[in-house]
Amino acid sequence: MIGIKKVSYGRMGNRLFHYNFLRQIAKKTDIDYFHRRLPDSVYFENMEKKSRPLSPFKETIRLTSKDVLTFKPDEFLKYITEETNKGKDILFDPPMLGEIFYDYLFYNPNEFFKIKIKYKKEFEYECSDRKVIGVHFRGTDFPSWNIHAALKISYYKAAIEFCLDGFRNDNPVFILFTDDKNYQAYLETINYLRLNGIRFYLGSTNDLPVYDLYQMTQCDILISSPSTFSIFAGCLGKPKKIIHDKNWLDYAISRNDIFWVKLSETSNPYYYLWKTF
């Protein structure tokens, strides 16, 4: 069997990446999986504890993403199949993030993630005949984590203006999502939209993050951030056109960050880059 015992550090997005990897591998190899009760099981179906048979003398192999990266994808699938056939359990330990995402993105993540009905907070305004454009701002600890990840108003303004021009006949509406209502780019974007008479709404900034996650999954276009939360929202729900910040993308590629390198090259239908600004 393959499974998760240790939970990814950080916020919801990190844990969703981790769980997605487990489920992708389990389905691809047809190996049974197990996991502890995951913190986000309160919001998602199928994340309650999935036990493995008690076997105290069973050999266990622990792997992190660094270990996974030592294999080519076909070699890794062969390896875990052979080891589990020998009666061993394989644990996927955190972090399991973007560096292994694209190599093992075999199936639509919607197969593995079902937000519970009570957390599907629909838009409180009429959007059925409109192009819904989500705009995500990640503040809080991001500027201290990496100043390059603290995106500027220039990115958001350019992306918004492009969408206004390209979708003027689709009655576009912008919805702003953030974890930090005092984040400078967020406040500046609100001011820009107001000054220019552009219709917009705010996400559930004072509520549980899953409300924002669900509404982001229902957008047609996502002006995204480097946050795992925003990226995973782009994978779920409706197929979306994804926009990212070019300065951040260029920086991440120059640092050989595997996720961003692969994003710049991929045509994977479950998460691909539409535009940069």
C-alpha atoms as a PDB file:
ATOM      1  CA  MET A   1       0.000   0.000   0.000  1.00  0.00           C
ATOM      2  CA  ILE A   2       0.977   3.639  -0.367  1.00  0.00           C
ATOM      3  CA  GLY A   3      -0.047   6.355   2.030  1.00  0.00           C
ATOM      4  CA  ILE A   4       0.298   9.505   4.106  1.00  0.00           C
ATOM      5  CA  LYS A   5       1.037   9.566   7.832  1.00  0.00           C
ATOM      6  CA  LYS A   6       2.736  12.949   8.167  1.00  0.00           C
ATOM      7  CA  VAL A   7       0.716  15.938   7.008  1.00  0.00           C
ATOM      8  CA  SER A   8       2.214  18.698   4.880  1.00  0.00           C
ATOM      9  CA  TYR A   9       3.270  21.782   6.770  1.00  0.00           C
ATOM     10  CA  GLY A  10       1.808  25.125   5.802  1.00  0.00           C
ATOM     11  CA  ARG A  11      -1.689  25.934   4.657  1.00  0.00           C
ATOM     12  CA  MET A  12      -4.457  24.189   2.773  1.00  0.00           C
ATOM     13  CA  GLY A  13      -2.865  24.482  -0.673  1.00  0.00           C
ATOM     14  CA  ASN A  14       0.233  22.558   0.418  1.00  0.00           C
ATOM     15  CA  ARG A  15      -1.904  19.752   1.808  1.00  0.00           C
ATOM     16  CA  LEU A  16      -3.987  19.555  -1.371  1.00  0.00           C
ATOM     17  CA  PHE A  17      -0.844  19.121  -3.460  1.00  0.00           C
ATOM     18  CA  HIS A  18       0.264  16.315  -1.122  1.00  0.00           C
ATOM     19  CA  TYR A  19      -3.072  14.485  -1.230  1.00  0.00           C
ATOM     20  CA  ASN A  20      -3.337  14.904  -4.998  1.00  0.00           C
ATOM     21  CA  PHE A  21       0.024  13.170  -5.458  1.00  0.00           C
ATOM     22  CA  LEU A  22      -1.123  10.196  -3.383  1.00  0.00           C
ATOM     23  CA  ARG A  23      -4.374   9.820  -5.312  1.00  0.00           C
ATOM     24  CA  GLN A  24      -2.760  10.274  -8.736  1.00  0.00           C
ATOM     25  CA  ILE A  25      -0.200   7.551  -7.987  1.00  0.00           C
ATOM     26  CA  ALA A  26      -2.757   5.197  -6.462  1.00  0.00           C
ATOM     27  CA  LYS A  27      -5.013   5.367  -9.505  1.00  0.00           C
ATOM     28  CA  LYS A  28      -2.184   5.152 -12.041  1.00  0.00           C
ATOM     29  CA  THR A  29      -0.650   2.054 -10.430  1.00  0.00           C
ATOM     30  CA  ASP A  30      -3.862   0.514  -9.060  1.00  0.00           C
ATOM     31  CA  ILE A  31      -2.159   0.273  -5.656  1.00  0.00           C
ATOM     32  CA  ASP A  32      -4.419   0.637  -2.629  1.00  0.00           C
ATOM     33  CA  TYR A  33      -3.793   3.726  -0.494  1.00  0.00           C
ATOM     34  CA  PHE A  34      -4.265   4.842   3.097  1.00  0.00           C
ATOM     35  CA  HIS A  35      -3.993   8.056   5.068  1.00  0.00           C
ATOM     36  CA  ARG A  36      -4.695   9.513   8.459  1.00  0.00           C
ATOM     37  CA  ARG A  37      -7.649  11.810   8.942  1.00  0.00           C
ATOM     38  CA  LEU A  38      -6.546  14.882   7.030  1.00  0.00           C
ATOM     39  CA  PRO A  39      -7.050  18.409   8.422  1.00  0.00           C
ATOM     40  CA  ASP A  40      -9.140  19.459   5.431  1.00  0.00           C
ATOM     41  CA  SER A  41     -11.531  16.513   5.720  1.00  0.00           C
ATOM     42  CA  VAL A  42     -14.000  18.896   7.349  1.00  0.00           C
ATOM     43  CA  TYR A  43     -14.326  20.639   3.962  1.00  0.00           C
ATOM     44  CA  PHE A  44     -13.813  17.779   1.502  1.00  0.00           C
ATOM     45  CA  GLU A  45     -15.397  14.413   1.000  1.00  0.00           C
ATOM     46  CA  ASN A  46     -13.155  11.306   1.039  1.00  0.00           C
ATOM     47  CA  MET A  47     -10.490  12.767   3.326  1.00  0.00           C
ATOM     48  CA  GLU A  48     -11.589  10.981   6.478  1.00  0.00           C
ATOM     49  CA  LYS A  49      -9.157   8.405   7.801  1.00  0.00           C
ATOM     50  CA  LYS A  50      -8.546   5.498   5.405  1.00  0.00           C
ATOM     51  CA  SER A  51      -6.859   2.771   7.397  1.00  0.00           C
ATOM     52  CA  ARG A  52      -4.349   0.134   6.381  1.00  0.00           C
ATOM     53  CA  PRO A  53      -4.395  -3.368   7.899  1.00  0.00           C
ATOM     54  CA  LEU A  54      -2.438  -3.576  11.144  1.00  0.00           C
ATOM     55  CA  SER A  55       0.923  -5.234  10.482  1.00  0.00           C
ATOM     56  CA  PRO A  56       3.593  -4.147  12.991  1.00  0.00           C
ATOM     57  CA  PHE A  57       6.413  -6.051  11.294  1.00  0.00           C
ATOM     58  CA  LYS A  58       5.727  -4.795   7.786  1.00  0.00           C
ATOM     59  CA  GLU A  59       8.632  -2.959   6.171  1.00  0.00           C
ATOM     60  CA  THR A  60       7.965   0.691   5.370  1.00  0.00           C
ATOM     61  CA  ILE A  61       9.743   2.933   2.880  1.00  0.00           C
ATOM     62  CA  ARG A  62       9.492   6.707   3.375  1.00  0.00           C
ATOM     63  CA  LEU A  63       9.849   9.023   0.394  1.00  0.00           C
ATOM     64  CA  THR A  64       9.865  12.803   0.011  1.00  0.00           C
ATOM     65  CA  SER A  65       9.648  14.781  -3.204  1.00  0.00           C
ATOM     66  CA  LYS A  66      13.459  14.890  -3.302  1.00  0.00           C
ATOM     67  CA  ASP A  67      13.458  11.110  -3.456  1.00  0.00           C
ATOM     68  CA  VAL A  68      10.776  11.088  -6.144  1.00  0.00           C
ATOM     69  CA  LEU A  69      12.833  13.492  -8.258  1.00  0.00           C
ATOM     70  CA  THR A  70      15.686  10.971  -8.444  1.00  0.00           C
ATOM     71  CA  PHE A  71      13.455   8.832 -10.697  1.00  0.00           C
ATOM     72  CA  LYS A  72      11.989   9.363 -14.113  1.00  0.00           C
ATOM     73  CA  PRO A  73       8.197   9.043 -13.838  1.00  0.00           C
ATOM     74  CA  ASP A  74       7.980   5.608 -15.473  1.00  0.00           C
ATOM     75  CA  GLU A  75      10.863   4.385 -13.305  1.00  0.00           C
ATOM     76  CA  PHE A  76       9.169   5.658 -10.163  1.00  0.00           C
ATOM     77  CA  LEU A  77       5.879   3.952 -10.970  1.00  0.00           C
ATOM     78  CA  LYS A  78       7.741   0.720 -11.646  1.00  0.00           C
ATOM     79  CA  TYR A  79       9.713   1.057  -8.404  1.00  0.00           C
ATOM     80  CA  ILE A  80       6.732   1.525  -6.111  1.00  0.00           C
ATOM     81  CA  THR A  81       4.828  -1.243  -7.880  1.00  0.00           C
ATOM     82  CA  GLU A  82       7.724  -3.647  -7.339  1.00  0.00           C
ATOM     83  CA  GLU A  83       8.222  -2.645  -3.702  1.00  0.00           C
ATOM     84  CA  THR A  84       4.546  -2.907  -2.790  1.00  0.00           C
ATOM     85  CA  ASN A  85       4.388  -6.283  -4.540  1.00  0.00           C
ATOM     86  CA  LYS A  86       7.093  -7.378  -2.084  1.00  0.00           C
ATOM     87  CA  GLY A  87       4.677  -6.551   0.728  1.00  0.00           C
ATOM     88  CA  LYS A  88       6.167  -3.189   1.675  1.00  0.00           C
ATOM     89  CA  ASP A  89       4.256  -0.013   2.471  1.00  0.00           C
ATOM     90  CA  ILE A  90       5.435   3.267   0.977  1.00  0.00           C
ATOM     91  CA  LEU A  91       4.827   6.541   2.792  1.00  0.00           C
ATOM     92  CA  PHE A  92       4.850   9.853   0.969  1.00  0.00           C
ATOM     93  CA  ASP A  93       6.222  12.380   3.450  1.00  0.00           C
ATOM     94  CA  PRO A  94       5.896  16.154   3.075  1.00  0.00           C
ATOM     95  CA  PRO A  95       6.739  18.297   1.324  1.00  0.00           C
ATOM     96  CA  MET A  96       5.067  17.024  -1.827  1.00  0.00           C
ATOM     97  CA  LEU A  97       4.505  20.242  -3.754  1.00  0.00           C
ATOM     98  CA  GLY A  98       4.835  21.666  -7.240  1.00  0.00           C
ATOM     99  CA  GLU A  99       8.202  20.138  -8.051  1.00  0.00           C
ATOM    100  CA  ILE A 100       6.548  16.753  -8.714  1.00  0.00           C
ATOM    101  CA  PHE A 101       3.143  18.039  -9.766  1.00  0.00           C
ATOM    102  CA  TYR A 102       3.363  17.911 -13.552  1.00  0.00           C
ATOM    103  CA  ASP A 103       5.241  14.626 -13.884  1.00  0.00           C
ATOM    104  CA  TYR A 104       2.402  12.866 -12.090  1.00  0.00           C
ATOM    105  CA  LEU A 105      -0.641  14.849 -13.212  1.00  0.00           C
ATOM    106  CA  PHE A 106      -2.280  11.923 -14.998  1.00  0.00           C
ATOM    107  CA  TYR A 107      -5.916  12.576 -14.126  1.00  0.00           C
ATOM    108  CA  ASN A 108      -8.211  15.514 -13.579  1.00  0.00           C
ATOM    109  CA  PRO A 109      -7.858  16.499  -9.894  1.00  0.00           C
ATOM    110  CA  ASN A 110     -11.632  16.957  -9.791  1.00  0.00           C
ATOM    111  CA  GLU A 111     -11.790  13.160  -9.509  1.00  0.00           C
ATOM    112  CA  PHE A 112     -10.148  13.331  -6.085  1.00  0.00           C
ATOM    113  CA  PHE A 113     -11.467  16.558  -4.567  1.00  0.00           C
ATOM    114  CA  LYS A 114     -15.134  17.085  -3.789  1.00  0.00           C
ATOM    115  CA  ILE A 115     -15.977  20.115  -1.669  1.00  0.00           C
ATOM    116  CA  LYS A 116     -18.840  19.346   0.695  1.00  0.00           C
ATOM    117  CA  ILE A 117     -22.164  20.893  -0.262  1.00  0.00           C
ATOM    118  CA  LYS A 118     -22.395  23.109   2.820  1.00  0.00           C
ATOM    119  CA  TYR A 119     -19.152  24.863   1.863  1.00  0.00           C
ATOM    120  CA  LYS A 120     -20.203  25.590  -1.703  1.00  0.00           C
ATOM    121  CA  LYS A 121     -21.026  29.217  -1.122  1.00  0.00           C
ATOM    122  CA  GLU A 122     -22.386  30.473  -4.409  1.00  0.00           C
ATOM    123  CA  PHE A 123     -21.822  33.982  -5.734  1.00  0.00           C
ATOM    124  CA  GLU A 124     -24.184  36.449  -4.077  1.00  0.00           C
ATOM    125  CA  TYR A 125     -24.698  38.287  -7.364  1.00  0.00           C
ATOM    126  CA  GLU A 126     -25.876  37.243 -10.791  1.00  0.00           C
ATOM    127  CA  CYS A 127     -23.014  35.792 -12.841  1.00  0.00           C
ATOM    128  CA  SER A 128     -24.764  33.296 -15.116  1.00  0.00           C
ATOM    129  CA  ASP A 129     -24.393  35.402 -18.262  1.00  0.00           C
ATOM    130  CA  ARG A 130     -21.090  37.046 -17.354  1.00  0.00           C
ATOM    131  CA  LYS A 131     -17.410  36.254 -17.712  1.00  0.00           C
ATOM    132  CA  VAL A 132     -16.284  35.720 -14.116  1.00  0.00           C
ATOM    133  CA  ILE A 133     -12.676  36.736 -13.516  1.00  0.00           C
ATOM    134  CA  GLY A 134     -11.111  35.822 -10.187  1.00  0.00           C
ATOM    135  CA  VAL A 135      -8.183  37.867  -8.901  1.00  0.00           C
ATOM    136  CA  HIS A 136      -6.076  36.350  -6.114  1.00  0.00           C
ATOM    137  CA  PHE A 137      -3.769  38.234  -3.740  1.00  0.00           C
ATOM    138  CA  ARG A 138      -1.547  36.330  -1.315  1.00  0.00           C
ATOM    139  CA  GLY A 139      -0.284  38.550   1.471  1.00  0.00           C
ATOM    140  CA  THR A 140       0.454  37.733   5.136  1.00  0.00           C
ATOM    141  CA  ASP A 141       3.780  35.850   5.165  1.00  0.00           C
ATOM    142  CA  PHE A 142       4.543  36.012   1.429  1.00  0.00           C
ATOM    143  CA  PRO A 143       6.623  39.215   1.403  1.00  0.00           C
ATOM    144  CA  SER A 144       8.855  37.811   4.151  1.00  0.00           C
ATOM    145  CA  TRP A 145       9.044  34.396   2.433  1.00  0.00           C
ATOM    146  CA  ASN A 146      10.135  35.836  -0.916  1.00  0.00           C
ATOM    147  CA  ILE A 147       9.804  39.486  -1.819  1.00  0.00           C
ATOM    148  CA  HIS A 148       9.504  38.519  -5.505  1.00  0.00           C
ATOM    149  CA  ALA A 149       6.288  36.632  -4.673  1.00  0.00           C
ATOM    150  CA  ALA A 150       4.682  39.804  -3.303  1.00  0.00           C
ATOM    151  CA  LEU A 151       3.043  40.805  -6.575  1.00  0.00           C
ATOM    152  CA  LYS A 152       2.573  44.443  -7.510  1.00  0.00           C
ATOM    153  CA  ILE A 153      -0.393  46.485  -8.718  1.00  0.00           C
ATOM    154  CA  SER A 154       1.217  46.756 -12.182  1.00  0.00           C
ATOM    155  CA  TYR A 155       0.635  43.032 -12.773  1.00  0.00           C
ATOM    156  CA  TYR A 156      -2.965  43.095 -11.637  1.00  0.00           C
ATOM    157  CA  LYS A 157      -3.752  46.263 -13.561  1.00  0.00           C
ATOM    158  CA  ALA A 158      -2.292  44.909 -16.818  1.00  0.00           C
ATOM    159  CA  ALA A 159      -4.156  41.615 -16.480  1.00  0.00           C
ATOM    160  CA  ILE A 160      -7.450  43.332 -15.652  1.00  0.00           C
ATOM    161  CA  GLU A 161      -7.148  45.732 -18.594  1.00  0.00           C
ATOM    162  CA  PHE A 162      -6.395  42.837 -20.940  1.00  0.00           C
ATOM    163  CA  CYS A 163      -9.498  40.987 -19.763  1.00  0.00           C
ATOM    164  CA  LEU A 164     -11.655  44.090 -20.061  1.00  0.00           C
ATOM    165  CA  ASP A 165     -10.518  44.596 -23.633  1.00  0.00           C
ATOM    166  CA  GLY A 166     -10.745  40.951 -24.678  1.00  0.00           C
ATOM    167  CA  PHE A 167     -14.071  40.141 -23.047  1.00  0.00           C
ATOM    168  CA  ARG A 168     -15.959  43.425 -23.307  1.00  0.00           C
ATOM    169  CA  ASN A 169     -18.857  41.621 -25.004  1.00  0.00           C
ATOM    170  CA  ASP A 170     -19.083  39.034 -22.209  1.00  0.00           C
ATOM    171  CA  ASN A 171     -20.073  41.498 -19.479  1.00  0.00           C
ATOM    172  CA  PRO A 172     -16.997  40.706 -17.328  1.00  0.00           C
ATOM    173  CA  VAL A 173     -17.103  40.883 -13.557  1.00  0.00           C
ATOM    174  CA  PHE A 174     -14.068  40.782 -11.266  1.00  0.00           C
ATOM    175  CA  ILE A 175     -14.015  39.042  -7.893  1.00  0.00           C
ATOM    176  CA  LEU A 176     -11.101  39.759  -5.552  1.00  0.00           C
ATOM    177  CA  PHE A 177      -9.858  37.082  -3.159  1.00  0.00           C
ATOM    178  CA  THR A 178      -7.218  37.512  -0.465  1.00  0.00           C
ATOM    179  CA  ASP A 179      -5.939  36.222   2.857  1.00  0.00           C
ATOM    180  CA  ASP A 180      -4.765  39.722   3.795  1.00  0.00           C
ATOM    181  CA  LYS A 181      -7.160  42.665   3.558  1.00  0.00           C
ATOM    182  CA  ASN A 182      -4.305  45.081   4.273  1.00  0.00           C
ATOM    183  CA  TYR A 183      -2.073  43.820   1.469  1.00  0.00           C
ATOM    184  CA  GLN A 184      -0.897  46.813  -0.543  1.00  0.00           C
ATOM    185  CA  ALA A 185      -1.580  45.462  -4.033  1.00  0.00           C
ATOM    186  CA  TYR A 186      -5.064  44.372  -2.936  1.00  0.00           C
ATOM    187  CA  LEU A 187      -5.942  47.846  -1.648  1.00  0.00           C
ATOM    188  CA  GLU A 188      -4.419  49.520  -4.694  1.00  0.00           C
ATOM    189  CA  THR A 189      -6.386  47.262  -7.034  1.00  0.00           C
ATOM    190  CA  ILE A 190      -9.642  48.062  -5.242  1.00  0.00           C
ATOM    191  CA  ASN A 191      -8.866  51.765  -5.578  1.00  0.00           C
ATOM    192  CA  TYR A 192      -8.012  51.372  -9.275  1.00  0.00           C
ATOM    193  CA  LEU A 193     -11.251  49.516  -9.985  1.00  0.00           C
ATOM    194  CA  ARG A 194     -13.333  52.099  -8.125  1.00  0.00           C
ATOM    195  CA  LEU A 195     -11.698  55.077  -9.805  1.00  0.00           C
ATOM    196  CA  ASN A 196     -12.317  53.557 -13.232  1.00  0.00           C
ATOM    197  CA  GLY A 197     -15.889  52.483 -12.565  1.00  0.00           C
ATOM    198  CA  ILE A 198     -15.093  48.806 -13.095  1.00  0.00           C
ATOM    199  CA  ARG A 199     -17.556  46.456 -11.457  1.00  0.00           C
ATOM    200  CA  PHE A 200     -16.054  44.137  -8.865  1.00  0.00           C
ATOM    201  CA  TYR A 201     -16.936  42.166  -5.754  1.00  0.00           C
ATOM    202  CA  LEU A 202     -14.953  40.890  -2.798  1.00  0.00           C
ATOM    203  CA  GLY A 203     -14.589  37.249  -1.844  1.00  0.00           C
ATOM    204  CA  SER A 204     -15.329  35.859   1.602  1.00  0.00           C
ATOM    205  CA  THR A 205     -12.435  37.664   3.255  1.00  0.00           C
ATOM    206  CA  ASN A 206     -13.724  37.110   6.797  1.00  0.00           C
ATOM    207  CA  ASP A 207     -14.893  33.520   6.392  1.00  0.00           C
ATOM    208  CA  LEU A 208     -13.343  30.092   6.087  1.00  0.00           C
ATOM    209  CA  PRO A 209     -10.822  29.854   3.225  1.00  0.00           C
ATOM    210  CA  VAL A 210     -12.776  27.012   1.633  1.00  0.00           C
ATOM    211  CA  TYR A 211     -15.489  29.511   0.645  1.00  0.00           C
ATOM    212  CA  ASP A 212     -12.960  31.464  -1.398  1.00  0.00           C
ATOM    213  CA  LEU A 213     -11.495  28.237  -2.763  1.00  0.00           C
ATOM    214  CA  TYR A 214     -14.869  27.080  -4.036  1.00  0.00           C
ATOM    215  CA  GLN A 215     -15.718  30.405  -5.663  1.00  0.00           C
ATOM    216  CA  MET A 216     -12.287  30.532  -7.291  1.00  0.00           C
ATOM    217  CA  THR A 217     -12.923  27.077  -8.768  1.00  0.00           C
ATOM    218  CA  GLN A 218     -16.042  28.499 -10.429  1.00  0.00           C
ATOM    219  CA  CYS A 219     -14.281  31.360 -12.235  1.00  0.00           C
ATOM    220  CA  ASP A 220     -13.753  31.437 -15.999  1.00  0.00           C
ATOM    221  CA  ILE A 221     -10.423  33.237 -15.730  1.00  0.00           C
ATOM    222  CA  LEU A 222      -8.042  33.367 -12.789  1.00  0.00           C
ATOM    223  CA  ILE A 223      -5.512  36.157 -12.366  1.00  0.00           C
ATOM    224  CA  SER A 224      -3.428  34.049 -10.064  1.00  0.00           C
ATOM    225  CA  SER A 225      -0.646  34.394  -7.511  1.00  0.00           C
ATOM    226  CA  PRO A 226       2.273  32.065  -6.671  1.00  0.00           C
ATOM    227  CA  SER A 227       0.223  30.637  -3.792  1.00  0.00           C
ATOM    228  CA  THR A 228      -0.430  26.870  -3.755  1.00  0.00           C
ATOM    229  CA  PHE A 229      -3.988  27.768  -2.695  1.00  0.00           C
ATOM    230  CA  SER A 230      -4.552  29.822  -5.830  1.00  0.00           C
ATOM    231  CA  ILE A 231      -2.819  27.322  -8.088  1.00  0.00           C
ATOM    232  CA  PHE A 232      -4.903  24.435  -6.823  1.00  0.00           C
ATOM    233  CA  ALA A 233      -8.102  26.445  -7.153  1.00  0.00           C
ATOM    234  CA  GLY A 234      -7.110  26.794 -10.797  1.00  0.00           C
ATOM    235  CA  CYS A 235      -7.012  22.993 -11.115  1.00  0.00           C
ATOM    236  CA  LEU A 236     -10.460  22.403  -9.674  1.00  0.00           C
ATOM    237  CA  GLY A 237     -13.981  23.160 -10.817  1.00  0.00           C
ATOM    238  CA  LYS A 238     -14.486  24.771 -14.203  1.00  0.00           C
ATOM    239  CA  PRO A 239     -11.735  24.711 -16.852  1.00  0.00           C
ATOM    240  CA  LYS A 240     -10.045  28.102 -16.601  1.00  0.00           C
ATOM    241  CA  LYS A 241      -7.773  30.471 -18.407  1.00  0.00           C
ATOM    242  CA  ILE A 242      -4.832  31.011 -16.042  1.00  0.00           C
ATOM    243  CA  ILE A 243      -2.831  34.231 -15.844  1.00  0.00           C
ATOM    244  CA  HIS A 244       0.427  34.615 -13.904  1.00  0.00           C
ATOM    245  CA  ASP A 245       2.879  37.414 -13.227  1.00  0.00           C
ATOM    246  CA  LYS A 246       5.687  37.450 -15.817  1.00  0.00           C
ATOM    247  CA  ASN A 247       8.253  38.948 -13.443  1.00  0.00           C
ATOM    248  CA  TRP A 248       7.604  36.187 -10.930  1.00  0.00           C
ATOM    249  CA  LEU A 249       7.648  33.504 -13.617  1.00  0.00           C
ATOM    250  CA  ASP A 250      10.956  34.758 -15.043  1.00  0.00           C
ATOM    251  CA  TYR A 251      12.461  34.914 -11.564  1.00  0.00           C
ATOM    252  CA  ALA A 252      11.299  31.412 -10.627  1.00  0.00           C
ATOM    253  CA  ILE A 253      12.564  29.967 -13.909  1.00  0.00           C
ATOM    254  CA  SER A 254      15.947  31.649 -13.390  1.00  0.00           C
ATOM    255  CA  ARG A 255      16.095  29.844 -10.032  1.00  0.00           C
ATOM    256  CA  ASN A 256      15.228  26.570 -11.779  1.00  0.00           C
ATOM    257  CA  ASP A 257      12.053  26.147  -9.743  1.00  0.00           C
ATOM    258  CA  ILE A 258      10.698  22.974 -11.312  1.00  0.00           C
ATOM    259  CA  PHE A 259       7.007  23.792 -11.073  1.00  0.00           C
ATOM    260  CA  TRP A 260       7.360  27.123 -12.838  1.00  0.00           C
ATOM    261  CA  VAL A 261       9.761  25.754 -15.439  1.00  0.00           C
ATOM    262  CA  LYS A 262       7.270  23.034 -16.322  1.00  0.00           C
ATOM    263  CA  LEU A 263       4.323  25.447 -16.231  1.00  0.00           C
ATOM    264  CA  SER A 264       6.055  27.576 -18.864  1.00  0.00           C
ATOM    265  CA  GLU A 265       6.388  24.507 -21.110  1.00  0.00           C
ATOM    266  CA  THR A 266       3.290  22.419 -20.439  1.00  0.00           C
ATOM    267  CA  SER A 267       0.086  21.915 -22.363  1.00  0.00           C
ATOM    268  CA  ASN A 268      -1.377  19.702 -19.626  1.00  0.00           C
ATOM    269  CA  PRO A 269      -5.134  20.385 -19.796  1.00  0.00           C
ATOM    270  CA  TYR A 270      -5.573  20.318 -16.015  1.00  0.00           C
ATOM    271  CA  TYR A 271      -3.392  23.383 -15.358  1.00  0.00           C
ATOM    272  CA  TYR A 272      -1.681  25.397 -18.048  1.00  0.00           C
ATOM    273  CA  LEU A 273      -0.588  28.975 -18.577  1.00  0.00           C
ATOM    274  CA  TRP A 274      -2.768  31.184 -20.760  1.00  0.00           C
ATOM    275  CA  LYS A 275      -1.135  34.610 -20.405  1.00  0.00           C
ATOM    276  CA  THR A 276       1.516  36.471 -18.411  1.00  0.00           C
ATOM    277  CA  PHE A 277       1.715  40.190 -17.623  1.00  0.00           C
END
